[in-house]
Every structure is written in structure tokens, then in C-alpha cells.
């Protein structure tokens, strides 16, 4: 739900319209957001050596990060489900272990 809202806004659709037209979407039990500084994220993306898509161009990445921050800040867990922010500044294996731990704690 969170990423859908971000990417639709990047395409120019107002958040109020997105919420109104997606009223039927099933609320996720859990949303994980890996928070990583833009510069570090771009560096990691370069190591994959894939051509950038529409959403991975610098101006879109900046807008994407702004929208995620804004939405997470105002997130209403009772309406949209639980959200957990994961520290993406760690190395990839530590991030992986954190995600596994969080998910396992949620399904117990």
C-alpha cells in the first residue's frame, strides 16, 4: 500500500485521489520500510549495474524518498496496518537478519 501511494504520487496523482480510489485495498498486517540515505542507496544500486528505470532516475529517487518520509511520519496504523522502519545504513546481511527477526516476531 505504502509504495503504491508513493509511486502514484510520483506520477502526479494527488494522495486524496489515491486514497479515495483505493478504498477497497486490503490493509496489510505489516509494512517494512528500509530507511537508507539517498547517497548510500544510489551507491548500492550502481553495484547492480542495471539500467535505471523511470522510477530510479535521480529526480524520482529524491521525490520518492520525500514521499516515503512524509507518509511514514503521518502513518495511521489503525487504518493502514503496522509499519516498521528498518535501519538501511547497516550492511546487507545485518539488514537481512533484522528483517527476519522482525517478521518472525510478528508471526508468533
Protein backbone atom coordinates (compact mmCIF):
# COMPACT_ATOMS: atom_id res chain seq x y z
CA UNK A 1 0.00 0.00 0.00
CA UNK A 2 2.75 2.43 1.02
CA UNK A 3 4.82 2.00 -2.15
CA UNK A 4 1.70 2.17 -4.31
CA UNK A 5 0.82 5.52 -2.77
CA UNK A 6 4.35 6.83 -3.31
CA UNK A 7 4.65 5.77 -6.95
CA UNK A 8 1.19 7.01 -7.88
CA UNK A 9 2.04 10.40 -6.37
CA UNK A 10 5.29 10.49 -8.37
CA UNK A 11 3.13 10.07 -11.47
CA UNK A 12 1.17 13.16 -10.40
CA UNK A 13 -1.92 11.66 -8.76
CA UNK A 14 -2.97 13.52 -5.59
CA UNK A 15 -2.87 11.45 -2.39
CA UNK A 16 -6.52 12.22 -1.68
CA UNK A 17 -7.48 10.67 -5.03
CA UNK A 18 -5.28 7.64 -4.40
CA UNK A 19 -6.87 7.03 -1.01
CA UNK A 20 -10.38 7.52 -2.35
CA UNK A 21 -9.96 5.19 -5.34
CA UNK A 22 -8.14 2.51 -3.32
CA UNK A 23 -10.67 2.25 -0.51
CA UNK A 24 -11.13 -1.47 -1.26
CA UNK A 25 -7.46 -2.42 -0.82
CA UNK A 26 -6.89 -4.94 1.96
CA UNK A 27 -4.92 -3.43 4.83
CA UNK A 28 -1.54 -5.15 5.18
CA UNK A 29 -0.73 -6.71 8.52
CA UNK A 30 2.82 -5.38 8.35
CA UNK A 31 4.77 -2.99 6.16
CA UNK A 32 8.56 -2.86 6.32
CA UNK A 33 10.41 0.22 5.12
CA UNK A 34 14.18 0.10 4.77
CA UNK A 35 15.38 3.62 5.52
CA UNK A 36 18.67 4.41 3.83
CA UNK A 37 20.28 7.74 2.92
CA UNK A 38 19.87 8.55 -0.75
CA UNK A 39 23.61 8.70 -1.46
CA UNK A 40 24.16 5.24 0.04
CA UNK A 41 21.17 3.86 -1.83
CA UNK A 42 22.44 5.17 -5.17
CA UNK A 43 25.85 3.66 -4.47
CA UNK A 44 24.30 0.25 -3.79
CA UNK A 45 22.18 0.49 -6.93
CA UNK A 46 25.29 1.18 -9.03
CA UNK A 47 26.82 -2.11 -7.91
CA UNK A 48 23.93 -3.97 -9.58
CA UNK A 49 24.79 -2.41 -12.95
CA UNK A 50 21.22 -2.46 -14.22
CA UNK A 51 19.93 0.32 -16.45
CA UNK A 52 17.83 2.76 -14.42
CA UNK A 53 14.09 2.54 -14.81
CA UNK A 54 11.73 5.52 -14.85
CA UNK A 55 11.50 5.40 -11.06
CA UNK A 56 15.23 5.11 -10.49
CA UNK A 57 16.31 8.40 -12.03
CA UNK A 58 17.82 10.90 -9.58
CA UNK A 59 14.89 13.34 -9.55
CA UNK A 60 12.43 10.49 -8.97
CA UNK A 61 14.59 8.99 -6.20
CA UNK A 62 14.65 12.30 -4.35
CA UNK A 63 10.88 12.70 -4.69
CA UNK A 64 10.34 9.07 -3.71
CA UNK A 65 12.36 9.45 -0.51
CA UNK A 66 10.50 12.66 0.40
CA UNK A 67 7.13 10.98 -0.11
CA UNK A 68 8.05 7.91 1.92
CA UNK A 69 9.24 10.11 4.80
CA UNK A 70 6.10 12.21 4.72
CA UNK A 71 3.75 9.20 4.58
CA UNK A 72 5.58 7.30 7.33
CA UNK A 73 5.54 10.36 9.57
CA UNK A 74 1.75 10.62 9.31
CA UNK A 75 1.01 6.86 9.09
CA UNK A 76 -2.12 5.74 10.92
CA UNK A 77 -1.54 2.11 11.93
CA UNK A 78 -5.16 1.60 12.94
CA UNK A 79 -6.32 2.45 9.41
CA UNK A 80 -3.40 1.21 7.30
CA UNK A 81 -1.64 -1.51 9.31
CA UNK A 82 1.58 -1.65 11.26
CA UNK A 83 4.74 -0.15 9.79
CA UNK A 84 8.27 -0.84 10.95
CA UNK A 85 11.22 1.21 9.76
CA UNK A 86 14.44 -0.79 9.33
CA UNK A 87 17.84 0.89 9.50
CA UNK A 88 19.22 0.55 5.98
CA UNK A 89 22.60 2.05 6.87
CA UNK A 90 23.83 -1.34 8.08
CA UNK A 91 25.45 -3.91 5.82
CA UNK A 92 23.09 -6.02 3.75
CA UNK A 93 23.45 -9.17 5.88
CA UNK A 94 22.65 -7.28 9.09
CA UNK A 95 19.59 -5.74 7.41
CA UNK A 96 18.51 -9.20 6.31
CA UNK A 97 18.85 -10.58 9.85
CA UNK A 98 16.87 -7.65 11.25
CA UNK A 99 14.06 -8.22 8.75
CA UNK A 100 13.89 -11.94 9.55
CA UNK A 101 13.79 -11.19 13.28
CA UNK A 102 11.04 -8.58 12.86
CA UNK A 103 8.91 -10.85 10.69
CA UNK A 104 9.33 -13.83 12.99
CA UNK A 105 8.31 -11.70 15.98
CA UNK A 106 5.21 -10.54 14.12
CA UNK A 107 4.01 -14.02 13.14
CA UNK A 108 4.37 -15.53 16.63
